[in-house]
Amino acid sequence: MFQLYVRYLINAHPNKCIMKNDLLNTIWLSEKRRKLIHLLKDGPKDIDEIKSTFNVSSRLIVPQIKQLEKQKIIIENDGVFQLSNIGELLIDKMLKIVDINILLEKDKDYWEKRTLYSLPPQMYEKIGDLKNNYLYEYNINNVLEIPPPFYPHLVKTNHYFMLLPYFHPNVIRETLNITKNGTKTILLATPKVVKRIKKEFREDLTKLINSPNLEIRILDEKTKPPALFITDDLILIGFATEEGVWDDRELISQDEKALNWTQELFIYYKHMSTPLSGI
């Protein structure tokens, strides 16, 4: 999986890839070398510390060290090994790819046919930050209900950010309810969704439109964003299929990196949106 993903990066972005093939192969074709780089991320180590950590003999680990030295990924001074400047630059990329691998391996069937092309490059590269999630599948009879694992966090949150590319009456109804009760809410939605909200929830909107607790913004249909639901301590994300279908599976996470990733993506789309001018 590592090799396939890295080859994809090279083939998809040959002019932007920062690592040449020989450097890439040195890292990804050996688990021992990857682990050694990760070990040295925590600081310099002598050969005895390295052997002790991996519980191996010099005969097994020295060839791996020499390969990394040859590519100038690590350097040796007085018997102590440490990452070179090149190694320091590579470790961040390496850890991102490791995270992406974990994410993909957990739910291959889900990710195989998801629409991700609308993500900005900086978020696409960090999508491994979502690795600590679980895939929630709606009951076929309750696809319009708010997911039970999400609801308790929604009603308790102080701040709520939502990007809604499809109309979901129950989510909108509960969003307006928590906003009435003091939750600071920002809702991004496509023009079609906003039009339906104005039609079906006009009375509530009329009461809330001037409230400091509610901000509604319009996002162009062409952006094809994922669905984002962000509370203080939990996020729910839905990616459409390649056919543009919103199915019965969404990601839920309370992991800090996942929260930060989702908030950053929300801010990106917020900057692309325009405020609702009236109802």
C-alpha atoms as a PDB file:
ATOM      1  CA  MET A   1       0.000   0.000   0.000  1.00  0.00           C
ATOM      2  CA  PHE A   2       2.871   2.376   0.824  1.00  0.00           C
ATOM      3  CA  GLN A   3       4.559   1.789  -2.515  1.00  0.00           C
ATOM      4  CA  LEU A   4       1.312   2.118  -4.485  1.00  0.00           C
ATOM      5  CA  TYR A   5       0.439   5.413  -2.828  1.00  0.00           C
ATOM      6  CA  VAL A   6       3.899   6.894  -3.289  1.00  0.00           C
ATOM      7  CA  ARG A   7       4.003   5.807  -6.938  1.00  0.00           C
ATOM      8  CA  TYR A   8       0.665   7.533  -7.383  1.00  0.00           C
ATOM      9  CA  LEU A   9       2.107  10.774  -6.013  1.00  0.00           C
ATOM     10  CA  ILE A  10       5.017  10.636  -8.441  1.00  0.00           C
ATOM     11  CA  ASN A  11       2.898   9.794 -11.469  1.00  0.00           C
ATOM     12  CA  ALA A  12       0.144  12.288 -10.641  1.00  0.00           C
ATOM     13  CA  HIS A  13       2.499  15.172  -9.847  1.00  0.00           C
ATOM     14  CA  PRO A  14       5.854  14.402 -11.554  1.00  0.00           C
ATOM     15  CA  ASN A  15       6.953  18.035 -11.608  1.00  0.00           C
ATOM     16  CA  LYS A  16       6.011  18.757  -8.003  1.00  0.00           C
ATOM     17  CA  CYS A  17       7.286  15.656  -6.246  1.00  0.00           C
ATOM     18  CA  ILE A  18      10.130  16.726  -3.965  1.00  0.00           C
ATOM     19  CA  MET A  19      11.725  13.281  -3.765  1.00  0.00           C
ATOM     20  CA  LYS A  20      13.563  11.515  -6.580  1.00  0.00           C
ATOM     21  CA  ASN A  21      12.884   7.824  -7.142  1.00  0.00           C
ATOM     22  CA  ASP A  22      16.138   6.566  -5.598  1.00  0.00           C
ATOM     23  CA  LEU A  23      15.563   8.618  -2.453  1.00  0.00           C
ATOM     24  CA  LEU A  24      11.958   7.471  -2.351  1.00  0.00           C
ATOM     25  CA  ASN A  25      12.889   3.823  -2.750  1.00  0.00           C
ATOM     26  CA  THR A  26      15.467   4.067   0.021  1.00  0.00           C
ATOM     27  CA  ILE A  27      12.725   5.075   2.447  1.00  0.00           C
ATOM     28  CA  TRP A  28       9.677   3.109   1.354  1.00  0.00           C
ATOM     29  CA  LEU A  29      11.099  -0.220   0.218  1.00  0.00           C
ATOM     30  CA  SER A  30      12.351  -1.061   3.699  1.00  0.00           C
ATOM     31  CA  GLU A  31      10.318  -1.054   6.898  1.00  0.00           C
ATOM     32  CA  LYS A  32      13.554  -1.183   8.907  1.00  0.00           C
ATOM     33  CA  ARG A  33      14.772   2.043   7.328  1.00  0.00           C
ATOM     34  CA  ARG A  34      11.442   3.766   7.943  1.00  0.00           C
ATOM     35  CA  LYS A  35      11.544   2.741  11.601  1.00  0.00           C
ATOM     36  CA  LEU A  36      15.146   3.899  11.906  1.00  0.00           C
ATOM     37  CA  ILE A  37      14.292   7.343  10.521  1.00  0.00           C
ATOM     38  CA  HIS A  38      11.371   7.552  12.926  1.00  0.00           C
ATOM     39  CA  LEU A  39      13.650   6.613  15.840  1.00  0.00           C
ATOM     40  CA  LEU A  40      16.169   9.323  14.963  1.00  0.00           C
ATOM     41  CA  LYS A  41      13.371  11.880  14.809  1.00  0.00           C
ATOM     42  CA  ASP A  42      13.476  11.781  18.620  1.00  0.00           C
ATOM     43  CA  GLY A  43      17.200  12.596  18.666  1.00  0.00           C
ATOM     44  CA  PRO A  44      20.687  11.230  17.887  1.00  0.00           C
ATOM     45  CA  LYS A  45      21.437   7.585  18.778  1.00  0.00           C
ATOM     46  CA  ASP A  46      24.618   5.503  18.842  1.00  0.00           C
ATOM     47  CA  ILE A  47      24.769   2.023  17.337  1.00  0.00           C
ATOM     48  CA  ASP A  48      24.176   0.280  20.663  1.00  0.00           C
ATOM     49  CA  GLU A  49      20.996   2.292  21.296  1.00  0.00           C
ATOM     50  CA  ILE A  50      19.767   1.492  17.791  1.00  0.00           C
ATOM     51  CA  LYS A  51      20.473  -2.235  18.157  1.00  0.00           C
ATOM     52  CA  SER A  52      18.818  -2.311  21.565  1.00  0.00           C
ATOM     53  CA  THR A  53      15.703  -0.512  20.339  1.00  0.00           C
ATOM     54  CA  PHE A  54      15.172  -2.913  17.441  1.00  0.00           C
ATOM     55  CA  ASN A  55      16.630  -5.958  19.221  1.00  0.00           C
ATOM     56  CA  VAL A  56      18.859  -6.800  16.261  1.00  0.00           C
ATOM     57  CA  SER A  57      22.543  -7.472  15.606  1.00  0.00           C
ATOM     58  CA  SER A  58      24.950  -5.140  13.841  1.00  0.00           C
ATOM     59  CA  ARG A  59      24.880  -7.479  10.842  1.00  0.00           C
ATOM     60  CA  LEU A  60      21.179  -6.735  10.308  1.00  0.00           C
ATOM     61  CA  ILE A  61      21.030  -3.012  11.028  1.00  0.00           C
ATOM     62  CA  VAL A  62      24.347  -1.679   9.661  1.00  0.00           C
ATOM     63  CA  PRO A  63      23.393  -2.267   5.975  1.00  0.00           C
ATOM     64  CA  GLN A  64      20.236  -0.207   6.534  1.00  0.00           C
ATOM     65  CA  ILE A  65      22.258   2.583   8.141  1.00  0.00           C
ATOM     66  CA  LYS A  66      24.693   2.594   5.211  1.00  0.00           C
ATOM     67  CA  GLN A  67      21.843   2.901   2.710  1.00  0.00           C
ATOM     68  CA  LEU A  68      20.467   5.926   4.565  1.00  0.00           C
ATOM     69  CA  GLU A  69      23.951   7.458   4.804  1.00  0.00           C
ATOM     70  CA  LYS A  70      24.483   6.932   1.070  1.00  0.00           C
ATOM     71  CA  GLN A  71      21.364   8.984   0.326  1.00  0.00           C
ATOM     72  CA  LYS A  72      22.460  11.568   2.936  1.00  0.00           C
ATOM     73  CA  ILE A  73      19.291  11.003   4.953  1.00  0.00           C
ATOM     74  CA  ILE A  74      21.288  10.367   8.117  1.00  0.00           C
ATOM     75  CA  ILE A  75      24.798  11.406   9.132  1.00  0.00           C
ATOM     76  CA  GLU A  76      27.301   9.981  11.625  1.00  0.00           C
ATOM     77  CA  ASN A  77      29.548  11.913  13.990  1.00  0.00           C
ATOM     78  CA  ASP A  78      31.858  10.067  16.392  1.00  0.00           C
ATOM     79  CA  GLY A  79      29.694   6.944  16.284  1.00  0.00           C
ATOM     80  CA  VAL A  80      26.436   8.824  16.828  1.00  0.00           C
ATOM     81  CA  PHE A  81      23.768   8.855  14.105  1.00  0.00           C
ATOM     82  CA  GLN A  82      21.263  11.626  13.496  1.00  0.00           C
ATOM     83  CA  LEU A  83      18.954  12.893  10.781  1.00  0.00           C
ATOM     84  CA  SER A  84      20.539  15.188   8.215  1.00  0.00           C
ATOM     85  CA  ASN A  85      18.786  18.289   6.926  1.00  0.00           C
ATOM     86  CA  ILE A  86      17.368  16.095   4.159  1.00  0.00           C
ATOM     87  CA  GLY A  87      16.159  13.580   6.727  1.00  0.00           C
ATOM     88  CA  GLU A  88      14.464  16.295   8.756  1.00  0.00           C
ATOM     89  CA  LEU A  89      12.654  17.497   5.634  1.00  0.00           C
ATOM     90  CA  LEU A  90      11.564  13.983   4.722  1.00  0.00           C
ATOM     91  CA  ILE A  91      10.253  12.886   8.114  1.00  0.00           C
ATOM     92  CA  ASP A  92       7.224  15.183   7.990  1.00  0.00           C
ATOM     93  CA  LYS A  93       6.254  13.890   4.529  1.00  0.00           C
ATOM     94  CA  MET A  94       6.848  10.337   5.656  1.00  0.00           C
ATOM     95  CA  LEU A  95       4.589  10.632   8.684  1.00  0.00           C
ATOM     96  CA  LYS A  96       1.831  12.162   6.545  1.00  0.00           C
ATOM     97  CA  ILE A  97       1.974   9.209   4.172  1.00  0.00           C
ATOM     98  CA  VAL A  98       1.940   6.776   7.096  1.00  0.00           C
ATOM     99  CA  ASP A  99      -1.220   8.469   8.405  1.00  0.00           C
ATOM    100  CA  ILE A 100      -2.844   8.317   4.966  1.00  0.00           C
ATOM    101  CA  ASN A 101      -2.015   4.631   4.738  1.00  0.00           C
ATOM    102  CA  ILE A 102      -3.696   3.984   8.103  1.00  0.00           C
ATOM    103  CA  LEU A 103      -6.766   5.948   6.988  1.00  0.00           C
ATOM    104  CA  LEU A 104      -7.105   4.049   3.706  1.00  0.00           C
ATOM    105  CA  GLU A 105      -6.471   0.615   5.189  1.00  0.00           C
ATOM    106  CA  LYS A 106      -9.263   1.042   7.750  1.00  0.00           C
ATOM    107  CA  ASP A 107     -12.053   1.537   5.208  1.00  0.00           C
ATOM    108  CA  LYS A 108     -10.811   0.738   1.705  1.00  0.00           C
ATOM    109  CA  ASP A 109     -14.320   0.205   0.348  1.00  0.00           C
ATOM    110  CA  TYR A 110     -15.388   3.642   1.553  1.00  0.00           C
ATOM    111  CA  TRP A 111     -12.437   5.598   0.172  1.00  0.00           C
ATOM    112  CA  GLU A 112     -12.204   3.778  -3.138  1.00  0.00           C
ATOM    113  CA  LYS A 113     -14.956   5.806  -4.820  1.00  0.00           C
ATOM    114  CA  ARG A 114     -15.166   9.057  -2.857  1.00  0.00           C
ATOM    115  CA  THR A 115     -15.068  12.506  -4.450  1.00  0.00           C
ATOM    116  CA  LEU A 116     -11.987  14.261  -3.059  1.00  0.00           C
ATOM    117  CA  TYR A 117     -10.964  16.446  -5.997  1.00  0.00           C
ATOM    118  CA  SER A 118     -12.655  19.520  -4.525  1.00  0.00           C
ATOM    119  CA  LEU A 119     -10.345  19.511  -1.497  1.00  0.00           C
ATOM    120  CA  PRO A 120      -7.631  22.187  -1.636  1.00  0.00           C
ATOM    121  CA  PRO A 121      -4.119  20.694  -2.063  1.00  0.00           C
ATOM    122  CA  GLN A 122      -3.004  21.561   1.464  1.00  0.00           C
ATOM    123  CA  MET A 123      -5.971  19.669   2.952  1.00  0.00           C
ATOM    124  CA  TYR A 124      -5.704  16.761   0.532  1.00  0.00           C
ATOM    125  CA  GLU A 125      -2.089  16.215   1.580  1.00  0.00           C
ATOM    126  CA  LYS A 126      -3.097  16.166   5.260  1.00  0.00           C
ATOM    127  CA  ILE A 127      -6.172  13.946   4.920  1.00  0.00           C
ATOM    128  CA  GLY A 128      -4.349  11.353   7.033  1.00  0.00           C
ATOM    129  CA  ASP A 129      -5.231  13.585  10.005  1.00  0.00           C
ATOM    130  CA  LEU A 130      -8.650  11.876   9.836  1.00  0.00           C
ATOM    131  CA  LYS A 131      -7.140   8.448  10.572  1.00  0.00           C
ATOM    132  CA  ASN A 132      -8.646   8.189  14.078  1.00  0.00           C
ATOM    133  CA  ASN A 133     -12.277   7.978  13.029  1.00  0.00           C
ATOM    134  CA  TYR A 134     -15.009   5.420  12.792  1.00  0.00           C
ATOM    135  CA  LEU A 135     -17.380   4.929   9.910  1.00  0.00           C
ATOM    136  CA  TYR A 136     -21.006   5.483  10.875  1.00  0.00           C
ATOM    137  CA  GLU A 137     -23.627   3.768   8.726  1.00  0.00           C
ATOM    138  CA  TYR A 138     -27.200   4.972   8.884  1.00  0.00           C
ATOM    139  CA  ASN A 139     -30.041   2.533   9.396  1.00  0.00           C
ATOM    140  CA  ILE A 140     -31.855   2.322   6.074  1.00  0.00           C
ATOM    141  CA  ASN A 141     -35.082   3.323   7.836  1.00  0.00           C
ATOM    142  CA  ASN A 142     -33.543   6.362   9.540  1.00  0.00           C
ATOM    143  CA  VAL A 143     -31.372   8.022   6.896  1.00  0.00           C
ATOM    144  CA  LEU A 144     -32.906  11.427   7.675  1.00  0.00           C
ATOM    145  CA  GLU A 145     -32.315  11.185  11.425  1.00  0.00           C
ATOM    146  CA  ILE A 146     -29.433  12.878  13.207  1.00  0.00           C
ATOM    147  CA  PRO A 147     -26.870  10.140  14.017  1.00  0.00           C
ATOM    148  CA  PRO A 148     -27.313   9.118  17.692  1.00  0.00           C
ATOM    149  CA  PRO A 149     -23.535   9.343  18.408  1.00  0.00           C
ATOM    150  CA  PHE A 150     -23.547  12.938  17.131  1.00  0.00           C
ATOM    151  CA  TYR A 151     -26.711  14.288  18.743  1.00  0.00           C
ATOM    152  CA  PRO A 152     -25.515  14.632  22.408  1.00  0.00           C
ATOM    153  CA  HIS A 153     -22.524  16.678  21.248  1.00  0.00           C
ATOM    154  CA  LEU A 154     -24.705  18.854  19.037  1.00  0.00           C
ATOM    155  CA  VAL A 155     -27.112  19.904  21.786  1.00  0.00           C
ATOM    156  CA  LYS A 156     -24.282  20.689  24.253  1.00  0.00           C
ATOM    157  CA  THR A 157     -21.887  22.561  21.972  1.00  0.00           C
ATOM    158  CA  ASN A 158     -21.145  26.251  22.413  1.00  0.00           C
ATOM    159  CA  HIS A 159     -20.060  26.690  18.800  1.00  0.00           C
ATOM    160  CA  TYR A 160     -21.391  24.845  15.775  1.00  0.00           C
ATOM    161  CA  PHE A 161     -20.097  25.018  12.218  1.00  0.00           C
ATOM    162  CA  MET A 162     -21.985  23.268   9.439  1.00  0.00           C
ATOM    163  CA  LEU A 163     -21.414  22.959   5.701  1.00  0.00           C
ATOM    164  CA  LEU A 164     -24.535  21.530   4.100  1.00  0.00           C
ATOM    165  CA  PRO A 165     -24.385  20.631   0.389  1.00  0.00           C
ATOM    166  CA  TYR A 166     -27.741  18.806   0.576  1.00  0.00           C
ATOM    167  CA  PHE A 167     -31.063  19.500   2.287  1.00  0.00           C
ATOM    168  CA  HIS A 168     -31.481  17.693   5.626  1.00  0.00           C
ATOM    169  CA  PRO A 169     -34.622  18.970   7.417  1.00  0.00           C
ATOM    170  CA  ASN A 170     -33.932  17.361  10.797  1.00  0.00           C
ATOM    171  CA  VAL A 171     -30.396  18.713  10.972  1.00  0.00           C
ATOM    172  CA  ILE A 172     -31.597  22.197  10.019  1.00  0.00           C
ATOM    173  CA  ARG A 173     -34.448  22.070  12.529  1.00  0.00           C
ATOM    174  CA  GLU A 174     -32.116  21.077  15.376  1.00  0.00           C
ATOM    175  CA  THR A 175     -29.535  23.647  14.276  1.00  0.00           C
ATOM    176  CA  LEU A 176     -32.116  26.420  14.539  1.00  0.00           C
ATOM    177  CA  ASN A 177     -33.197  25.089  17.950  1.00  0.00           C
ATOM    178  CA  ILE A 178     -29.708  25.145  19.457  1.00  0.00           C
ATOM    179  CA  THR A 179     -29.120  28.590  17.942  1.00  0.00           C
ATOM    180  CA  LYS A 180     -32.228  29.884  19.718  1.00  0.00           C
ATOM    181  CA  ASN A 181     -30.755  28.531  22.941  1.00  0.00           C
ATOM    182  CA  GLY A 182     -27.501  30.449  22.551  1.00  0.00           C
ATOM    183  CA  THR A 183     -25.177  28.298  20.427  1.00  0.00           C
ATOM    184  CA  LYS A 184     -22.993  30.370  18.097  1.00  0.00           C
ATOM    185  CA  THR A 185     -23.723  28.907  14.668  1.00  0.00           C
ATOM    186  CA  ILE A 186     -22.248  29.368  11.208  1.00  0.00           C
ATOM    187  CA  LEU A 187     -24.074  27.621   8.381  1.00  0.00           C
ATOM    188  CA  LEU A 188     -22.597  27.327   4.899  1.00  0.00           C
ATOM    189  CA  ALA A 189     -24.919  25.963   2.234  1.00  0.00           C
ATOM    190  CA  THR A 190     -25.386  25.872  -1.512  1.00  0.00           C
ATOM    191  CA  PRO A 191     -27.979  28.192  -3.118  1.00  0.00           C
ATOM    192  CA  LYS A 192     -30.444  25.327  -3.612  1.00  0.00           C
ATOM    193  CA  VAL A 193     -30.220  24.322   0.040  1.00  0.00           C
ATOM    194  CA  VAL A 194     -30.589  27.926   1.228  1.00  0.00           C
ATOM    195  CA  LYS A 195     -33.643  28.331  -0.992  1.00  0.00           C
ATOM    196  CA  ARG A 196     -35.323  25.316   0.623  1.00  0.00           C
ATOM    197  CA  ILE A 197     -34.384  26.453   4.123  1.00  0.00           C
ATOM    198  CA  LYS A 198     -35.964  29.843   3.437  1.00  0.00           C
ATOM    199  CA  LYS A 199     -39.084  28.137   2.115  1.00  0.00           C
ATOM    200  CA  GLU A 200     -39.574  25.512   4.840  1.00  0.00           C
ATOM    201  CA  PHE A 201     -38.162  27.347   7.875  1.00  0.00           C
ATOM    202  CA  ARG A 202     -39.081  30.943   7.063  1.00  0.00           C
ATOM    203  CA  GLU A 203     -40.722  31.667  10.424  1.00  0.00           C
ATOM    204  CA  ASP A 204     -37.697  30.503  12.406  1.00  0.00           C
ATOM    205  CA  LEU A 205     -35.311  32.314  10.082  1.00  0.00           C
ATOM    206  CA  THR A 206     -37.283  35.533  10.411  1.00  0.00           C
ATOM    207  CA  LYS A 207     -36.802  35.376  14.189  1.00  0.00           C
ATOM    208  CA  LEU A 208     -33.115  34.488  13.981  1.00  0.00           C
ATOM    209  CA  ILE A 209     -31.842  36.370  10.954  1.00  0.00           C
ATOM    210  CA  ASN A 210     -30.667  39.345  13.040  1.00  0.00           C
ATOM    211  CA  SER A 211     -29.432  37.219  15.926  1.00  0.00           C
ATOM    212  CA  PRO A 212     -25.708  37.487  16.738  1.00  0.00           C
ATOM    213  CA  ASN A 213     -25.797  33.710  17.217  1.00  0.00           C
ATOM    214  CA  LEU A 214     -26.522  32.856  13.575  1.00  0.00           C
ATOM    215  CA  GLU A 215     -24.518  33.461  10.425  1.00  0.00           C
ATOM    216  CA  ILE A 216     -25.681  31.968   7.123  1.00  0.00           C
ATOM    217  CA  ARG A 217     -23.420  32.038   4.094  1.00  0.00           C
ATOM    218  CA  ILE A 218     -23.856  30.812   0.527  1.00  0.00           C
ATOM    219  CA  LEU A 219     -21.323  28.581  -1.217  1.00  0.00           C
ATOM    220  CA  ASP A 220     -21.249  28.072  -4.983  1.00  0.00           C
ATOM    221  CA  GLU A 221     -22.626  24.706  -6.160  1.00  0.00           C
ATOM    222  CA  LYS A 222     -19.533  24.207  -8.326  1.00  0.00           C
ATOM    223  CA  THR A 223     -17.260  23.801  -5.313  1.00  0.00           C
ATOM    224  CA  LYS A 224     -18.671  20.281  -4.671  1.00  0.00           C
ATOM    225  CA  PRO A 225     -17.656  20.349  -0.978  1.00  0.00           C
ATOM    226  CA  PRO A 226     -18.039  17.523   1.538  1.00  0.00           C
ATOM    227  CA  ALA A 227     -20.673  17.770   4.263  1.00  0.00           C
ATOM    228  CA  LEU A 228     -19.132  19.081   7.504  1.00  0.00           C
ATOM    229  CA  PHE A 229     -20.691  19.116  10.975  1.00  0.00           C
ATOM    230  CA  ILE A 230     -18.389  20.491  13.674  1.00  0.00           C
ATOM    231  CA  THR A 231     -19.138  20.783  17.396  1.00  0.00           C
ATOM    232  CA  ASP A 232     -16.746  21.747  20.191  1.00  0.00           C
ATOM    233  CA  ASP A 233     -15.471  18.193  20.586  1.00  0.00           C
ATOM    234  CA  LEU A 234     -16.747  16.020  17.732  1.00  0.00           C
ATOM    235  CA  ILE A 235     -16.910  16.157  13.955  1.00  0.00           C
ATOM    236  CA  LEU A 236     -18.996  14.349  11.364  1.00  0.00           C
ATOM    237  CA  ILE A 237     -17.941  14.377   7.707  1.00  0.00           C
ATOM    238  CA  GLY A 238     -19.646  13.062   4.603  1.00  0.00           C
ATOM    239  CA  PHE A 239     -17.968  12.703   1.205  1.00  0.00           C
ATOM    240  CA  ALA A 240     -20.110  12.140  -1.867  1.00  0.00           C
ATOM    241  CA  THR A 241     -19.417   9.203  -4.164  1.00  0.00           C
ATOM    242  CA  GLU A 242     -17.815   9.732  -7.561  1.00  0.00           C
ATOM    243  CA  GLU A 243     -21.352   9.757  -8.985  1.00  0.00           C
ATOM    244  CA  GLY A 244     -22.271  12.661  -6.701  1.00  0.00           C
ATOM    245  CA  VAL A 245     -24.451  10.512  -4.430  1.00  0.00           C
ATOM    246  CA  TRP A 246     -24.681  11.118  -0.691  1.00  0.00           C
ATOM    247  CA  ASP A 247     -24.945   7.616   0.725  1.00  0.00           C
ATOM    248  CA  ASP A 248     -25.538   6.214   4.222  1.00  0.00           C
ATOM    249  CA  ARG A 249     -21.928   6.390   5.480  1.00  0.00           C
ATOM    250  CA  GLU A 250     -20.155   9.242   7.250  1.00  0.00           C
ATOM    251  CA  LEU A 251     -17.019   9.654   9.355  1.00  0.00           C
ATOM    252  CA  ILE A 252     -17.183  10.529  13.054  1.00  0.00           C
ATOM    253  CA  SER A 253     -14.194  11.513  15.182  1.00  0.00           C
ATOM    254  CA  GLN A 254     -13.234  13.206  18.440  1.00  0.00           C
ATOM    255  CA  ASP A 255      -9.519  13.161  17.666  1.00  0.00           C
ATOM    256  CA  GLU A 256      -7.820  16.550  18.004  1.00  0.00           C
ATOM    257  CA  LYS A 257      -6.037  16.321  14.648  1.00  0.00           C
ATOM    258  CA  ALA A 258      -9.303  15.390  12.926  1.00  0.00           C
ATOM    259  CA  LEU A 259     -11.057  18.332  14.603  1.00  0.00           C
ATOM    260  CA  ASN A 260      -8.319  20.728  13.506  1.00  0.00           C
ATOM    261  CA  TRP A 261      -8.346  19.370   9.938  1.00  0.00           C
ATOM    262  CA  THR A 262     -12.107  19.759   9.642  1.00  0.00           C
ATOM    263  CA  GLN A 263     -12.112  23.253  11.150  1.00  0.00           C
ATOM    264  CA  GLU A 264      -9.374  24.344   8.749  1.00  0.00           C
ATOM    265  CA  LEU A 265     -11.337  22.962   5.796  1.00  0.00           C
ATOM    266  CA  PHE A 266     -14.475  24.749   6.988  1.00  0.00           C
ATOM    267  CA  ILE A 267     -12.593  28.055   7.177  1.00  0.00           C
ATOM    268  CA  TYR A 268     -11.314  27.484   3.633  1.00  0.00           C
ATOM    269  CA  TYR A 269     -14.859  27.128   2.302  1.00  0.00           C
ATOM    270  CA  LYS A 270     -16.099  29.998   4.473  1.00  0.00           C
ATOM    271  CA  HIS A 271     -13.643  32.313   2.742  1.00  0.00           C
ATOM    272  CA  MET A 272     -15.131  31.232  -0.596  1.00  0.00           C
ATOM    273  CA  SER A 273     -18.702  31.968   0.503  1.00  0.00           C
ATOM    274  CA  THR A 274     -20.849  35.100   0.596  1.00  0.00           C
ATOM    275  CA  PRO A 275     -23.208  36.189   3.405  1.00  0.00           C
ATOM    276  CA  LEU A 276     -26.943  35.696   3.029  1.00  0.00           C
ATOM    277  CA  SER A 277     -28.325  39.168   2.368  1.00  0.00           C
ATOM    278  CA  GLY A 278     -31.954  38.598   3.317  1.00  0.00           C
ATOM    279  CA  ILE A 279     -34.840  36.152   3.473  1.00  0.00           C
END
